[in-house]
Amino acid sequence: MRYTIVFCGMHSHIIGMPLFIRSLPLSLFTFWRYLAILPLIAIFAFLFSLLSFLPVAGLFVPGIVSAGLLIVGLRCALAARGHRNPLDHGTLLTVSAIFCVIFIGTDIFVYGASWLVLWTITQAGVELDPIGLLAGLFGVSAYWSGILLALLAPAAIVKAAFAVPMVGAAYAASPKGGDINYFSGLGKGMFSLLLVMAVWLLGGHIFSIFGEVWAVFGMIAFAIWDLMSGETLTWELMPAVPFVLGGVLVMTWASSWFFATAVLAWEDVVSRRMADAERQRNAARPSTEDIRALRRSRM
């Protein structure tokens, strides 16, 4: 795939500064873009998820929705960074389906690694307590938070490993996007991406079980139910509204931070690739001395 890219703003490769810190300013510009479309993608995700009731094909729908939501978020970060191009919905669906299949293939690793983590934890004498894991999810116990992160690490590693390839696919999800390499940049920026994912999990508390997209959809659904019933917007079946909104906003920003981090990691990959290509062109180009020697040999 060919890239014609101008990296805007401060140069992304600041020496000595970790990727997750470099991406903080971009996360703020990504946040408001992602937050603005969050209700729309929540409704779309719900409607598309209804197709999961279809026989056979419905088995792939959750994975396609998950990949599609991630690509949309990555496009918000790309736009915030200055990489704007029109979205091709057919290409978006295609790349989402392909990543869904890839993630199904990686499930073997996830299940095996999860079993190994669980076995290691139990061999260390740790008894898994649902109440303890809940305390870890709420971030009130550093011990149980660590156990919870260890259990979720295999799935998080796969998602972080494919973040940069998904940025490339998100950038190419346009009418003239060109060919897509679904493994280009695999594993780049993983440490920073995993750290941001941990913030997302613990910052969102219990709502991180289903994420900011489904939390927003739940709020919309309860609001519609109240309006149809002639009630005020009470969200009676949900916890305290400030707690819900706080969790959603934290997760929305943390997701934006993840998207921003992945985009900067992708920029680094593209920059190195372009620099390597330039070096190869320069190496293949004859030097001035070579040209002079060739002329003298012909005289």
Protein backbone atom coordinates (compact mmCIF):
# COMPACT_ATOMS: atom_id res chain seq x y z
CA MET A 1 0.00 0.00 0.00
CA ARG A 2 1.28 3.45 -0.85
CA TYR A 3 1.13 6.26 1.68
CA THR A 4 1.09 9.96 0.89
CA ILE A 5 1.16 11.37 4.39
CA VAL A 6 2.12 14.66 5.96
CA PHE A 7 2.55 14.32 9.72
CA CYS A 8 1.08 17.45 11.23
CA GLY A 9 1.92 19.24 14.46
CA MET A 10 4.85 18.35 16.67
CA HIS A 11 7.06 15.60 15.26
CA SER A 12 5.79 12.32 16.66
CA HIS A 13 9.21 10.86 17.37
CA ILE A 14 10.37 12.80 20.45
CA ILE A 15 13.48 11.10 21.74
CA GLY A 16 13.23 9.60 25.20
CA MET A 17 9.49 10.19 25.64
CA PRO A 18 7.32 7.06 25.96
CA LEU A 19 4.64 6.56 23.35
CA PHE A 20 1.78 6.65 25.86
CA ILE A 21 2.91 10.10 27.02
CA ARG A 22 3.44 11.44 23.51
CA SER A 23 -0.12 10.44 22.65
CA LEU A 24 -1.76 12.34 25.53
CA PRO A 25 -2.30 15.62 23.61
CA LEU A 26 -3.71 13.73 20.62
CA SER A 27 -6.04 11.80 22.93
CA LEU A 28 -7.76 15.05 23.91
CA PHE A 29 -8.40 16.02 20.29
CA THR A 30 -9.60 12.47 19.58
CA PHE A 31 -11.85 12.45 22.66
CA TRP A 32 -14.37 15.06 21.54
CA ARG A 33 -14.61 13.54 18.05
CA TYR A 34 -15.22 10.08 19.46
CA LEU A 35 -17.64 11.36 22.12
CA ALA A 36 -19.68 13.25 19.50
CA ILE A 37 -20.39 10.12 17.45
CA LEU A 38 -20.63 7.70 20.39
CA PRO A 39 -24.47 7.71 20.56
CA LEU A 40 -24.69 7.05 16.80
CA ILE A 41 -22.23 4.16 16.80
CA ALA A 42 -23.92 2.72 19.93
CA ILE A 43 -27.26 2.59 18.10
CA PHE A 44 -25.63 1.23 14.93
CA ALA A 45 -23.76 -1.44 16.92
CA PHE A 46 -27.00 -2.57 18.55
CA LEU A 47 -28.93 -2.74 15.28
CA PHE A 48 -26.13 -4.60 13.49
CA SER A 49 -25.80 -6.98 16.46
CA LEU A 50 -29.38 -8.14 15.83
CA LEU A 51 -27.97 -10.03 12.85
CA SER A 52 -26.25 -12.36 15.32
CA PHE A 53 -29.53 -14.29 15.45
CA LEU A 54 -28.95 -15.44 11.88
CA PRO A 55 -27.83 -19.07 11.60
CA VAL A 56 -24.08 -19.66 11.04
CA ALA A 57 -23.37 -16.14 9.70
CA GLY A 58 -24.59 -14.70 13.01
CA LEU A 59 -21.63 -16.31 14.77
CA PHE A 60 -19.32 -13.78 13.11
CA VAL A 61 -21.44 -10.69 13.82
CA PRO A 62 -20.12 -9.89 17.35
CA GLY A 63 -16.54 -10.04 16.13
CA ILE A 64 -17.31 -7.89 13.09
CA VAL A 65 -19.06 -5.30 15.28
CA SER A 66 -16.14 -5.24 17.72
CA ALA A 67 -13.56 -4.78 14.94
CA GLY A 68 -15.74 -2.18 13.20
CA LEU A 69 -16.11 -0.10 16.36
CA LEU A 70 -12.36 -0.18 16.90
CA ILE A 71 -11.68 0.95 13.32
CA VAL A 72 -14.18 3.82 13.64
CA GLY A 73 -12.43 4.97 16.81
CA LEU A 74 -9.05 4.75 15.10
CA ARG A 75 -10.37 6.90 12.26
CA CYS A 76 -11.31 9.54 14.85
CA ALA A 77 -7.68 9.61 15.99
CA LEU A 78 -6.46 9.67 12.38
CA ALA A 79 -8.71 12.66 11.67
CA ALA A 80 -7.50 14.41 14.82
CA ARG A 81 -3.94 13.87 13.62
CA GLY A 82 -4.72 15.31 10.17
CA HIS A 83 -5.10 12.07 8.19
CA ARG A 84 -8.56 12.77 6.80
CA ASN A 85 -10.15 10.83 3.96
CA PRO A 86 -13.72 9.77 3.15
CA LEU A 87 -15.00 6.54 4.67
CA ASP A 88 -16.00 3.69 2.38
CA HIS A 89 -18.58 1.65 4.28
CA GLY A 90 -18.09 -1.42 2.09
CA THR A 91 -14.36 -1.43 2.80
CA LEU A 92 -15.07 -0.88 6.50
CA LEU A 93 -17.32 -3.95 6.56
CA THR A 94 -14.77 -6.01 4.63
CA VAL A 95 -11.79 -5.20 6.84
CA SER A 96 -13.94 -5.69 9.96
CA ALA A 97 -14.91 -9.17 8.75
CA ILE A 98 -11.28 -10.04 7.96
CA PHE A 99 -10.07 -8.93 11.38
CA CYS A 100 -12.93 -10.89 12.91
CA VAL A 101 -11.59 -14.04 11.22
CA ILE A 102 -8.04 -13.20 12.32
CA PHE A 103 -9.16 -12.78 15.93
CA ILE A 104 -11.04 -16.08 15.77
CA GLY A 105 -7.74 -17.65 14.77
CA THR A 106 -5.93 -15.99 17.67
CA ASP A 107 -8.51 -17.31 20.13
CA ILE A 108 -6.45 -20.51 20.32
CA PHE A 109 -3.57 -18.49 21.73
CA VAL A 110 -5.89 -16.55 24.04
CA TYR A 111 -7.51 -19.67 25.50
CA GLY A 112 -4.17 -21.44 25.93
CA ALA A 113 -2.47 -18.42 27.49
CA SER A 114 -5.47 -17.76 29.76
CA TRP A 115 -5.38 -21.34 30.99
CA LEU A 116 -1.64 -21.03 31.64
CA VAL A 117 -2.13 -17.79 33.61
CA LEU A 118 -4.96 -19.36 35.60
CA TRP A 119 -2.88 -22.45 36.34
CA THR A 120 0.10 -20.31 37.42
CA ILE A 121 -2.09 -18.24 39.73
CA THR A 122 -3.65 -21.29 41.36
CA GLN A 123 -0.23 -22.94 41.75
CA ALA A 124 0.90 -19.80 43.57
CA GLY A 125 -1.83 -20.45 46.14
CA VAL A 126 -4.27 -17.77 44.98
CA GLU A 127 -7.95 -18.71 45.28
CA LEU A 128 -10.05 -16.79 42.80
CA ASP A 129 -12.79 -14.97 44.64
CA PRO A 130 -15.57 -13.29 42.59
CA ILE A 131 -15.89 -10.60 45.27
CA GLY A 132 -12.15 -10.00 45.12
CA LEU A 133 -12.19 -9.74 41.32
CA LEU A 134 -15.06 -7.26 41.60
CA ALA A 135 -12.98 -5.24 44.05
CA GLY A 136 -10.13 -5.33 41.54
CA LEU A 137 -12.45 -4.15 38.79
CA PHE A 138 -13.46 -1.17 40.90
CA GLY A 139 -9.80 -0.43 41.54
CA VAL A 140 -10.16 -0.56 45.34
CA SER A 141 -7.71 -3.44 45.76
CA ALA A 142 -4.28 -3.30 44.12
CA TYR A 143 -3.85 -7.03 44.76
CA TRP A 144 -7.06 -8.09 43.02
CA SER A 145 -6.58 -5.50 40.29
CA GLY A 146 -3.27 -7.18 39.49
CA ILE A 147 -4.91 -10.63 39.44
CA LEU A 148 -7.67 -9.34 37.18
CA LEU A 149 -5.21 -7.75 34.76
CA ALA A 150 -3.21 -11.00 34.64
CA LEU A 151 -6.34 -12.98 33.72
CA LEU A 152 -7.25 -10.49 30.98
CA ALA A 153 -3.69 -10.09 29.70
CA PRO A 154 -3.80 -12.69 26.86
CA ALA A 155 -6.83 -11.11 25.17
CA ALA A 156 -5.37 -7.63 25.71
CA ILE A 157 -2.05 -8.68 24.17
CA VAL A 158 -3.78 -9.79 20.96
CA LYS A 159 -5.75 -6.55 20.72
CA ALA A 160 -2.65 -4.45 21.36
CA ALA A 161 -0.59 -6.47 18.87
CA PHE A 162 -3.05 -5.80 16.05
CA ALA A 163 -3.69 -2.14 16.91
CA VAL A 164 -1.17 -0.75 14.43
CA PRO A 165 -2.26 -3.02 11.53
CA MET A 166 -5.82 -1.92 12.26
CA VAL A 167 -4.76 1.74 12.00
CA GLY A 168 -3.40 1.01 8.54
CA ALA A 169 -6.68 -0.69 7.63
CA ALA A 170 -8.67 2.21 9.10
CA TYR A 171 -6.66 4.69 7.02
CA ALA A 172 -7.24 2.58 3.90
CA ALA A 173 -11.01 2.21 4.52
CA SER A 174 -11.73 4.83 1.86
CA PRO A 175 -12.70 4.71 -1.83
CA LYS A 176 -9.04 5.07 -2.92
CA GLY A 177 -7.38 3.39 0.04
CA GLY A 178 -5.43 0.83 -1.97
CA ASP A 179 -4.25 -2.59 -0.81
CA ILE A 180 -4.25 -3.44 2.90
CA ASN A 181 -1.58 -5.40 4.74
CA TYR A 182 -3.35 -6.90 7.74
CA PHE A 183 -0.10 -7.66 9.58
CA SER A 184 1.99 -4.56 8.84
CA GLY A 185 3.31 -3.13 12.12
CA LEU A 186 2.19 -6.16 14.12
CA GLY A 187 3.19 -5.80 17.78
CA LYS A 188 4.43 -2.20 17.56
CA GLY A 189 3.85 0.00 20.62
CA MET A 190 2.48 -2.88 22.67
CA PHE A 191 3.77 -1.75 26.06
CA SER A 192 2.12 1.65 25.81
CA LEU A 193 -1.08 0.19 24.37
CA LEU A 194 -1.37 -2.38 27.16
CA LEU A 195 -0.83 0.30 29.79
CA VAL A 196 -3.61 2.42 28.29
CA MET A 197 -5.91 -0.62 28.19
CA ALA A 198 -5.29 -1.15 31.91
CA VAL A 199 -6.32 2.46 32.56
CA TRP A 200 -9.46 1.87 30.48
CA LEU A 201 -10.38 -1.24 32.47
CA LEU A 202 -9.78 0.16 35.95
CA GLY A 203 -10.91 3.69 35.13
CA GLY A 204 -14.27 2.58 33.80
CA HIS A 205 -14.91 0.34 36.82
CA ILE A 206 -17.76 -2.11 36.37
CA PHE A 207 -18.90 -0.50 33.10
CA SER A 208 -15.70 -1.68 31.42
CA ILE A 209 -17.31 -5.14 31.34
CA PHE A 210 -19.32 -3.97 28.33
CA GLY A 211 -17.51 -0.76 27.39
CA GLU A 212 -18.49 2.82 26.76
CA VAL A 213 -20.40 2.00 23.57
CA TRP A 214 -22.84 -0.36 25.26
CA ALA A 215 -23.04 1.83 28.37
CA VAL A 216 -24.15 4.75 26.19
CA PHE A 217 -26.64 2.53 24.38
CA GLY A 218 -28.05 1.41 27.73
CA MET A 219 -28.55 5.03 28.77
CA ILE A 220 -30.27 5.80 25.46
CA ALA A 221 -32.53 2.75 25.80
CA PHE A 222 -33.58 3.62 29.36
CA ALA A 223 -34.16 7.26 28.34
CA ILE A 224 -36.44 6.15 25.47
CA TRP A 225 -38.28 3.82 27.83
CA ASP A 226 -38.87 6.68 30.30
CA LEU A 227 -40.13 8.96 27.53
CA MET A 228 -42.50 6.30 26.18
CA SER A 229 -43.80 5.72 29.69
CA GLY A 230 -44.35 9.43 30.24
CA GLU A 231 -41.76 9.53 33.01
CA THR A 232 -38.87 11.90 33.57
CA LEU A 233 -35.38 10.70 32.70
CA THR A 234 -34.78 8.76 35.89
CA TRP A 235 -32.77 5.74 34.62
CA GLU A 236 -34.32 3.92 37.57
CA LEU A 237 -32.86 0.53 36.67
CA MET A 238 -29.32 1.87 36.42
CA PRO A 239 -26.92 2.97 39.20
CA ALA A 240 -26.48 6.60 40.13
CA VAL A 241 -26.36 8.72 36.98
CA PRO A 242 -23.16 10.62 37.93
CA PHE A 243 -21.42 7.28 38.48
CA VAL A 244 -22.60 6.04 35.06
CA LEU A 245 -21.59 9.24 33.29
CA GLY A 246 -18.23 9.30 35.05
CA GLY A 247 -17.43 5.74 34.03
CA VAL A 248 -18.51 6.36 30.45
CA LEU A 249 -16.48 9.56 30.13
CA VAL A 250 -13.36 7.95 31.62
CA MET A 251 -13.64 4.97 29.29
CA THR A 252 -14.33 7.22 26.30
CA TRP A 253 -11.19 9.23 27.01
CA ALA A 254 -9.13 6.09 27.71
CA SER A 255 -10.33 4.60 24.41
CA SER A 256 -9.35 7.85 22.69
CA TRP A 257 -5.95 7.54 24.35
CA PHE A 258 -5.65 3.99 22.98
CA PHE A 259 -6.62 5.16 19.49
CA ALA A 260 -4.15 8.07 19.66
CA THR A 261 -1.33 5.82 20.87
CA ALA A 262 -1.97 3.35 18.06
CA VAL A 263 -1.97 6.13 15.45
CA LEU A 264 1.38 7.50 16.65
CA ALA A 265 2.84 3.98 16.64
CA TRP A 266 1.55 3.57 13.06
CA GLU A 267 3.15 6.87 12.07
CA ASP A 268 6.48 5.64 13.42
CA VAL A 269 6.15 2.44 11.37
CA VAL A 270 5.30 4.37 8.20
CA SER A 271 8.10 6.87 8.81
CA ARG A 272 10.68 4.10 9.15
CA ARG A 273 9.36 2.39 6.03
CA MET A 274 9.57 5.59 4.02
CA ALA A 275 13.08 6.29 5.37
CA ASP A 276 14.20 2.77 4.42
CA ALA A 277 12.78 3.19 0.93
CA GLU A 278 14.59 6.52 0.57
CA ARG A 279 17.88 4.97 1.67
CA GLN A 280 17.46 2.18 -0.86
CA ARG A 281 16.81 4.68 -3.63
CA ASN A 282 19.87 6.68 -2.63
CA ALA A 283 21.99 3.53 -2.49
CA ALA A 284 20.88 2.52 -5.97
CA ARG A 285 21.50 6.02 -7.36
CA PRO A 286 25.06 6.44 -8.74
CA SER A 287 27.13 9.03 -6.90
CA THR A 288 28.76 12.05 -8.57
CA GLU A 289 32.16 10.36 -8.34
CA ASP A 290 30.80 7.25 -10.03
CA ILE A 291 29.38 9.33 -12.89
CA ARG A 292 32.71 11.16 -13.32
CA ALA A 293 34.64 7.89 -13.34
CA LEU A 294 32.27 6.46 -15.94
CA ARG A 295 32.77 9.52 -18.15
CA ARG A 296 36.56 9.33 -17.84
CA SER A 297 36.44 5.63 -18.75
CA ARG A 298 34.58 6.47 -21.95
CA MET A 299 36.91 9.25 -23.04
